[in-house]
Amino acid sequence: MSLVDTISSDMKDALRAKDATRLTALRSMRAAFLNEMKKDGAETLPDEICIGLLRRLEKQRKESIEAFDAAGREEQAAKERAELAVIETYLPSLADEATTRAWVEEAIAQSGASSAKELGKVMGALMKAHKGEIDGGRARQIAAEILADG
């Protein structure tokens, strides 16, 4: 069953269970999928594209949480945290710190990068090889740190 079908099915279950928070998060995910399908004129979406869309929703929720916390709007921040938790259940887990560091070191060795000026080359190779498995922001920090030391 594809991710689109799974989320549609879970949306029906949340509707029956009257789980408003889960239903809101699932509706936003489904809306993102439908918008992408309309844009491409596709009948369905591959799971890789769905995961990318979910990562975007995850990032939006995290930014909203920071903004609401900074503004002192705890109720809204709590609502966003609950929706984020639902979104994260559909995302594959990202690589841990040690694995990320190993992949970054491997990408640096393969690309032959020796300075921070070549960070783009390293990140390009790294994201091509491990897209969806790695936190790009954290990988960039590690790569910059290694290239600055090296």
C-alpha atoms as a PDB file:
ATOM      1  CA  MET A   1       0.000   0.000   0.000  1.00  0.00           C
ATOM      2  CA  SER A   2       1.419   3.373  -0.970  1.00  0.00           C
ATOM      3  CA  LEU A   3       1.864   6.208   1.486  1.00  0.00           C
ATOM      4  CA  VAL A   4      -1.001   8.141  -0.141  1.00  0.00           C
ATOM      5  CA  ASP A   5      -3.344   5.169   0.364  1.00  0.00           C
ATOM      6  CA  THR A   6      -2.127   4.595   3.921  1.00  0.00           C
ATOM      7  CA  ILE A   7      -2.768   8.200   4.897  1.00  0.00           C
ATOM      8  CA  SER A   8      -6.217   8.182   3.268  1.00  0.00           C
ATOM      9  CA  SER A   9      -7.095   5.009   5.165  1.00  0.00           C
ATOM     10  CA  ASP A  10      -5.754   6.395   8.452  1.00  0.00           C
ATOM     11  CA  MET A  11      -7.726   9.580   7.839  1.00  0.00           C
ATOM     12  CA  LYS A  12     -10.944   7.539   7.714  1.00  0.00           C
ATOM     13  CA  ASP A  13      -9.954   5.770  10.935  1.00  0.00           C
ATOM     14  CA  ALA A  14      -9.241   9.097  12.672  1.00  0.00           C
ATOM     15  CA  LEU A  15     -12.600  10.411  11.472  1.00  0.00           C
ATOM     16  CA  ARG A  16     -14.398   7.387  12.936  1.00  0.00           C
ATOM     17  CA  ALA A  17     -12.430   7.690  16.197  1.00  0.00           C
ATOM     18  CA  LYS A  18     -13.163  11.447  16.361  1.00  0.00           C
ATOM     19  CA  ASP A  19      -9.437  12.149  16.848  1.00  0.00           C
ATOM     20  CA  ALA A  20      -9.389  15.816  15.797  1.00  0.00           C
ATOM     21  CA  THR A  21      -5.645  16.418  16.151  1.00  0.00           C
ATOM     22  CA  ARG A  22      -4.687  13.355  14.141  1.00  0.00           C
ATOM     23  CA  LEU A  23      -7.359  14.142  11.550  1.00  0.00           C
ATOM     24  CA  THR A  24      -6.075  17.707  11.088  1.00  0.00           C
ATOM     25  CA  ALA A  25      -2.507  16.480  10.537  1.00  0.00           C
ATOM     26  CA  LEU A  26      -3.631  13.750   8.136  1.00  0.00           C
ATOM     27  CA  ARG A  27      -5.743  16.230   6.169  1.00  0.00           C
ATOM     28  CA  SER A  28      -2.781  18.570   5.768  1.00  0.00           C
ATOM     29  CA  MET A  29      -0.636  15.662   4.538  1.00  0.00           C
ATOM     30  CA  ARG A  30      -3.310  14.540   2.092  1.00  0.00           C
ATOM     31  CA  ALA A  31      -3.776  18.120   0.860  1.00  0.00           C
ATOM     32  CA  ALA A  32      -0.034  18.380   0.174  1.00  0.00           C
ATOM     33  CA  PHE A  33      -0.196  15.113  -1.788  1.00  0.00           C
ATOM     34  CA  LEU A  34      -3.251  16.215  -3.785  1.00  0.00           C
ATOM     35  CA  ASN A  35      -1.668  19.579  -4.615  1.00  0.00           C
ATOM     36  CA  GLU A  36       1.443  17.814  -5.897  1.00  0.00           C
ATOM     37  CA  MET A  37      -0.655  15.388  -7.952  1.00  0.00           C
ATOM     38  CA  LYS A  38      -2.620  18.269  -9.516  1.00  0.00           C
ATOM     39  CA  LYS A  39       0.587  20.127 -10.285  1.00  0.00           C
ATOM     40  CA  ASP A  40       2.067  17.099 -12.067  1.00  0.00           C
ATOM     41  CA  GLY A  41      -1.236  15.787 -13.434  1.00  0.00           C
ATOM     42  CA  ALA A  42      -0.461  12.412 -11.859  1.00  0.00           C
ATOM     43  CA  GLU A  43      -2.909   9.781 -10.623  1.00  0.00           C
ATOM     44  CA  THR A  44      -0.693   8.849  -7.677  1.00  0.00           C
ATOM     45  CA  LEU A  45       2.665   9.781  -6.172  1.00  0.00           C
ATOM     46  CA  PRO A  46       5.707   7.608  -5.553  1.00  0.00           C
ATOM     47  CA  ASP A  47       6.606   7.226  -1.878  1.00  0.00           C
ATOM     48  CA  GLU A  48       9.899   9.132  -2.379  1.00  0.00           C
ATOM     49  CA  ILE A  49       8.002  12.275  -3.397  1.00  0.00           C
ATOM     50  CA  CYS A  50       5.523  11.780  -0.541  1.00  0.00           C
ATOM     51  CA  ILE A  51       8.379  11.557   1.945  1.00  0.00           C
ATOM     52  CA  GLY A  52       9.842  14.783   0.563  1.00  0.00           C
ATOM     53  CA  LEU A  53       6.478  16.488   1.015  1.00  0.00           C
ATOM     54  CA  LEU A  54       6.207  15.142   4.565  1.00  0.00           C
ATOM     55  CA  ARG A  55       9.717  16.442   5.339  1.00  0.00           C
ATOM     56  CA  ARG A  56       8.563  19.877   4.130  1.00  0.00           C
ATOM     57  CA  LEU A  57       5.492  19.701   6.406  1.00  0.00           C
ATOM     58  CA  GLU A  58       7.738  18.585   9.275  1.00  0.00           C
ATOM     59  CA  LYS A  59      10.021  21.587   8.737  1.00  0.00           C
ATOM     60  CA  GLN A  60       7.031  23.959   8.586  1.00  0.00           C
ATOM     61  CA  ARG A  61       5.680  22.593  11.868  1.00  0.00           C
ATOM     62  CA  LYS A  62       9.067  22.963  13.583  1.00  0.00           C
ATOM     63  CA  GLU A  63       9.343  26.581  12.410  1.00  0.00           C
ATOM     64  CA  SER A  64       5.800  27.278  13.617  1.00  0.00           C
ATOM     65  CA  ILE A  65       6.576  25.764  17.013  1.00  0.00           C
ATOM     66  CA  GLU A  66       9.626  28.033  17.380  1.00  0.00           C
ATOM     67  CA  ALA A  67       7.590  31.094  16.378  1.00  0.00           C
ATOM     68  CA  PHE A  68       4.714  30.277  18.731  1.00  0.00           C
ATOM     69  CA  ASP A  69       7.116  29.577  21.611  1.00  0.00           C
ATOM     70  CA  ALA A  70       8.896  32.888  20.992  1.00  0.00           C
ATOM     71  CA  ALA A  71       5.540  34.697  20.973  1.00  0.00           C
ATOM     72  CA  GLY A  72       4.417  32.947  24.164  1.00  0.00           C
ATOM     73  CA  ARG A  73       1.512  31.173  22.451  1.00  0.00           C
ATOM     74  CA  GLU A  74       1.828  27.837  24.230  1.00  0.00           C
ATOM     75  CA  GLU A  75      -1.580  26.510  23.164  1.00  0.00           C
ATOM     76  CA  GLN A  76      -0.786  26.935  19.454  1.00  0.00           C
ATOM     77  CA  ALA A  77       2.717  25.499  19.969  1.00  0.00           C
ATOM     78  CA  ALA A  78       1.233  22.428  21.675  1.00  0.00           C
ATOM     79  CA  LYS A  79      -1.197  21.939  18.782  1.00  0.00           C
ATOM     80  CA  GLU A  80       1.676  22.131  16.267  1.00  0.00           C
ATOM     81  CA  ARG A  81       3.728  19.665  18.359  1.00  0.00           C
ATOM     82  CA  ALA A  82       0.847  17.188  18.304  1.00  0.00           C
ATOM     83  CA  GLU A  83       0.521  17.503  14.519  1.00  0.00           C
ATOM     84  CA  LEU A  84       4.301  17.146  14.149  1.00  0.00           C
ATOM     85  CA  ALA A  85       4.174  13.901  16.131  1.00  0.00           C
ATOM     86  CA  VAL A  86       1.563  12.524  13.712  1.00  0.00           C
ATOM     87  CA  ILE A  87       3.602  13.566  10.657  1.00  0.00           C
ATOM     88  CA  GLU A  88       6.756  11.982  12.085  1.00  0.00           C
ATOM     89  CA  THR A  89       5.029   8.593  12.396  1.00  0.00           C
ATOM     90  CA  TYR A  90       4.918   8.409   8.580  1.00  0.00           C
ATOM     91  CA  LEU A  91       8.547   9.431   8.038  1.00  0.00           C
ATOM     92  CA  PRO A  92      11.450   6.995   7.926  1.00  0.00           C
ATOM     93  CA  SER A  93      13.982   7.632  10.672  1.00  0.00           C
ATOM     94  CA  LEU A  94      17.071   9.641   9.801  1.00  0.00           C
ATOM     95  CA  ALA A  95      20.610   8.372  10.289  1.00  0.00           C
ATOM     96  CA  ASP A  96      22.174   8.906  13.704  1.00  0.00           C
ATOM     97  CA  GLU A  97      25.169  11.173  14.353  1.00  0.00           C
ATOM     98  CA  ALA A  98      27.842   8.467  13.926  1.00  0.00           C
ATOM     99  CA  THR A  99      26.377   7.173  10.662  1.00  0.00           C
ATOM    100  CA  THR A 100      25.991  10.705   9.318  1.00  0.00           C
ATOM    101  CA  ARG A 101      29.616  11.492  10.188  1.00  0.00           C
ATOM    102  CA  ALA A 102      30.802   8.294   8.458  1.00  0.00           C
ATOM    103  CA  TRP A 103      28.808   9.102   5.308  1.00  0.00           C
ATOM    104  CA  VAL A 104      30.161  12.676   5.289  1.00  0.00           C
ATOM    105  CA  GLU A 105      33.754  11.446   5.638  1.00  0.00           C
ATOM    106  CA  GLU A 106      33.145   8.957   2.814  1.00  0.00           C
ATOM    107  CA  ALA A 107      31.716  11.701   0.565  1.00  0.00           C
ATOM    108  CA  ILE A 108      34.700  13.953   1.310  1.00  0.00           C
ATOM    109  CA  ALA A 109      37.123  11.142   0.450  1.00  0.00           C
ATOM    110  CA  GLN A 110      35.283  10.276  -2.776  1.00  0.00           C
ATOM    111  CA  SER A 111      35.006  13.878  -3.956  1.00  0.00           C
ATOM    112  CA  GLY A 112      38.601  14.697  -3.050  1.00  0.00           C
ATOM    113  CA  ALA A 113      37.500  17.891  -1.290  1.00  0.00           C
ATOM    114  CA  SER A 114      40.169  19.542   0.828  1.00  0.00           C
ATOM    115  CA  SER A 115      38.740  22.948   1.726  1.00  0.00           C
ATOM    116  CA  ALA A 116      35.485  24.537   2.816  1.00  0.00           C
ATOM    117  CA  LYS A 117      35.183  26.018  -0.691  1.00  0.00           C
ATOM    118  CA  GLU A 118      34.351  22.525  -1.961  1.00  0.00           C
ATOM    119  CA  LEU A 119      31.491  22.005   0.490  1.00  0.00           C
ATOM    120  CA  GLY A 120      28.909  22.135  -2.316  1.00  0.00           C
ATOM    121  CA  LYS A 121      30.594  19.274  -4.151  1.00  0.00           C
ATOM    122  CA  VAL A 122      30.591  17.151  -0.978  1.00  0.00           C
ATOM    123  CA  MET A 123      26.955  17.936  -0.157  1.00  0.00           C
ATOM    124  CA  GLY A 124      25.854  17.205  -3.721  1.00  0.00           C
ATOM    125  CA  ALA A 125      27.424  13.754  -3.652  1.00  0.00           C
ATOM    126  CA  LEU A 126      26.191  13.079  -0.128  1.00  0.00           C
ATOM    127  CA  MET A 127      22.574  14.046  -0.779  1.00  0.00           C
ATOM    128  CA  LYS A 128      22.527  12.138  -4.060  1.00  0.00           C
ATOM    129  CA  ALA A 129      23.649   8.979  -2.276  1.00  0.00           C
ATOM    130  CA  HIS A 130      21.606   9.340   0.928  1.00  0.00           C
ATOM    131  CA  LYS A 131      18.585  11.545   0.172  1.00  0.00           C
ATOM    132  CA  GLY A 132      15.813  10.909   2.678  1.00  0.00           C
ATOM    133  CA  GLU A 133      18.142   9.034   5.022  1.00  0.00           C
ATOM    134  CA  ILE A 134      20.136  11.966   6.334  1.00  0.00           C
ATOM    135  CA  ASP A 135      19.497  15.368   7.915  1.00  0.00           C
ATOM    136  CA  GLY A 136      21.022  17.740   5.366  1.00  0.00           C
ATOM    137  CA  GLY A 137      21.526  20.574   7.847  1.00  0.00           C
ATOM    138  CA  ARG A 138      23.415  18.399  10.302  1.00  0.00           C
ATOM    139  CA  ALA A 139      25.454  16.796   7.494  1.00  0.00           C
ATOM    140  CA  ARG A 140      26.437  20.266   6.250  1.00  0.00           C
ATOM    141  CA  GLN A 141      27.633  21.239   9.748  1.00  0.00           C
ATOM    142  CA  ILE A 142      29.724  18.078  10.034  1.00  0.00           C
ATOM    143  CA  ALA A 143      31.203  18.519   6.544  1.00  0.00           C
ATOM    144  CA  ALA A 144      32.078  22.174   7.207  1.00  0.00           C
ATOM    145  CA  GLU A 145      33.686  21.197  10.512  1.00  0.00           C
ATOM    146  CA  ILE A 146      35.778  18.412   8.920  1.00  0.00           C
ATOM    147  CA  LEU A 147      36.837  20.552   5.942  1.00  0.00           C
ATOM    148  CA  ALA A 148      37.760  23.475   8.218  1.00  0.00           C
ATOM    149  CA  ASP A 149      39.981  21.187  10.328  1.00  0.00           C
ATOM    150  CA  GLY A 150      41.460  19.409   7.297  1.00  0.00           C
END
